[in-house]
Amino acid sequence: MIDKEGKSFEYEVTVPGKYRLQADVRVPGEMTVSGESFTNNMAPWILSNPIEVVAAAAL
């Protein structure tokens, strides 16, 4: 898992596998539960379906 703040996100895939993105947005006055801890002002915004990356075919 990678945790990053900002307006854009790039990730270079180096191994085959399933990947998905979850983005949270700050919401004044909101409190959400993440695992066993509380996170202030963050709420789920984007929960993508996974994509599967496979190894390149040999030529």
C-alpha atoms as a PDB file:
ATOM      1  CA  MET A   1       0.000   0.000   0.000  1.00  0.00           C
ATOM      2  CA  ILE A   2       1.178   3.494  -0.847  1.00  0.00           C
ATOM      3  CA  ASP A   3      -0.084   6.564   1.001  1.00  0.00           C
ATOM      4  CA  LYS A   4       0.341   9.893  -0.793  1.00  0.00           C
ATOM      5  CA  GLU A   5      -1.211  13.352  -0.600  1.00  0.00           C
ATOM      6  CA  GLY A   6      -1.631  15.555  -3.650  1.00  0.00           C
ATOM      7  CA  LYS A   7      -3.697  16.267  -6.736  1.00  0.00           C
ATOM      8  CA  SER A   8      -2.225  13.510  -8.906  1.00  0.00           C
ATOM      9  CA  PHE A   9      -0.794  10.020  -8.492  1.00  0.00           C
ATOM     10  CA  GLU A  10       1.524   7.956 -10.667  1.00  0.00           C
ATOM     11  CA  TYR A  11       2.764   4.445 -10.004  1.00  0.00           C
ATOM     12  CA  GLU A  12       5.095   2.343 -12.133  1.00  0.00           C
ATOM     13  CA  VAL A  13       3.964  -1.275 -12.130  1.00  0.00           C
ATOM     14  CA  THR A  14       6.993  -3.579 -11.901  1.00  0.00           C
ATOM     15  CA  VAL A  15       5.358  -6.953 -11.269  1.00  0.00           C
ATOM     16  CA  PRO A  16       2.158  -8.632 -12.470  1.00  0.00           C
ATOM     17  CA  GLY A  17      -0.763  -8.514 -10.057  1.00  0.00           C
ATOM     18  CA  LYS A  18      -4.061  -6.856  -9.247  1.00  0.00           C
ATOM     19  CA  TYR A  19      -4.045  -3.139  -8.518  1.00  0.00           C
ATOM     20  CA  ARG A  20      -6.726  -0.678  -7.421  1.00  0.00           C
ATOM     21  CA  LEU A  21      -6.923   2.901  -6.240  1.00  0.00           C
ATOM     22  CA  GLN A  22      -8.661   4.359  -3.217  1.00  0.00           C
ATOM     23  CA  ALA A  23      -8.746   8.132  -2.854  1.00  0.00           C
ATOM     24  CA  ASP A  24     -10.038  10.000   0.183  1.00  0.00           C
ATOM     25  CA  VAL A  25     -11.129  13.622   0.358  1.00  0.00           C
ATOM     26  CA  ARG A  26     -11.053  16.033   3.283  1.00  0.00           C
ATOM     27  CA  VAL A  27     -14.557  16.874   4.538  1.00  0.00           C
ATOM     28  CA  PRO A  28     -14.872  19.493   7.289  1.00  0.00           C
ATOM     29  CA  GLY A  29     -16.570  18.096  10.388  1.00  0.00           C
ATOM     30  CA  GLU A  30     -16.461  14.434   9.278  1.00  0.00           C
ATOM     31  CA  MET A  31     -14.805  11.649  11.243  1.00  0.00           C
ATOM     32  CA  THR A  32     -14.251   8.193   9.717  1.00  0.00           C
ATOM     33  CA  VAL A  33     -12.944   4.926  11.114  1.00  0.00           C
ATOM     34  CA  SER A  34      -9.915   3.392   9.394  1.00  0.00           C
ATOM     35  CA  GLY A  35      -9.010   0.017  10.883  1.00  0.00           C
ATOM     36  CA  GLU A  36      -8.951   0.638  14.605  1.00  0.00           C
ATOM     37  CA  SER A  37      -8.124   4.355  14.495  1.00  0.00           C
ATOM     38  CA  PHE A  38     -10.162   7.472  13.781  1.00  0.00           C
ATOM     39  CA  THR A  39      -9.151   9.818  10.977  1.00  0.00           C
ATOM     40  CA  ASN A  40     -10.464  13.385  11.135  1.00  0.00           C
ATOM     41  CA  ASN A  41     -11.896  15.108   8.087  1.00  0.00           C
ATOM     42  CA  MET A  42     -11.300  12.250   5.625  1.00  0.00           C
ATOM     43  CA  ALA A  43     -14.011  10.401   3.705  1.00  0.00           C
ATOM     44  CA  PRO A  44     -13.790   7.839   0.853  1.00  0.00           C
ATOM     45  CA  TRP A  45     -14.139   9.538  -2.530  1.00  0.00           C
ATOM     46  CA  ILE A  46     -12.946   7.062  -5.174  1.00  0.00           C
ATOM     47  CA  LEU A  47     -12.905   3.269  -4.753  1.00  0.00           C
ATOM     48  CA  SER A  48     -11.845   1.807  -8.094  1.00  0.00           C
ATOM     49  CA  ASN A  49     -12.357  -1.725  -9.310  1.00  0.00           C
ATOM     50  CA  PRO A  50      -9.074  -3.646  -9.547  1.00  0.00           C
ATOM     51  CA  ILE A  51      -7.172  -3.980 -12.798  1.00  0.00           C
ATOM     52  CA  GLU A  52      -5.064  -7.069 -13.489  1.00  0.00           C
ATOM     53  CA  VAL A  53      -1.600  -6.573 -14.921  1.00  0.00           C
ATOM     54  CA  VAL A  54      -0.119  -9.649 -16.604  1.00  0.00           C
ATOM     55  CA  ALA A  55       3.407 -10.373 -17.757  1.00  0.00           C
ATOM     56  CA  ALA A  56       4.277  -9.316 -21.291  1.00  0.00           C
ATOM     57  CA  ALA A  57       4.075 -12.085 -23.884  1.00  0.00           C
ATOM     58  CA  ALA A  58       7.401 -13.343 -25.219  1.00  0.00           C
ATOM     59  CA  LEU A  59       8.053 -12.300 -28.818  1.00  0.00           C
END
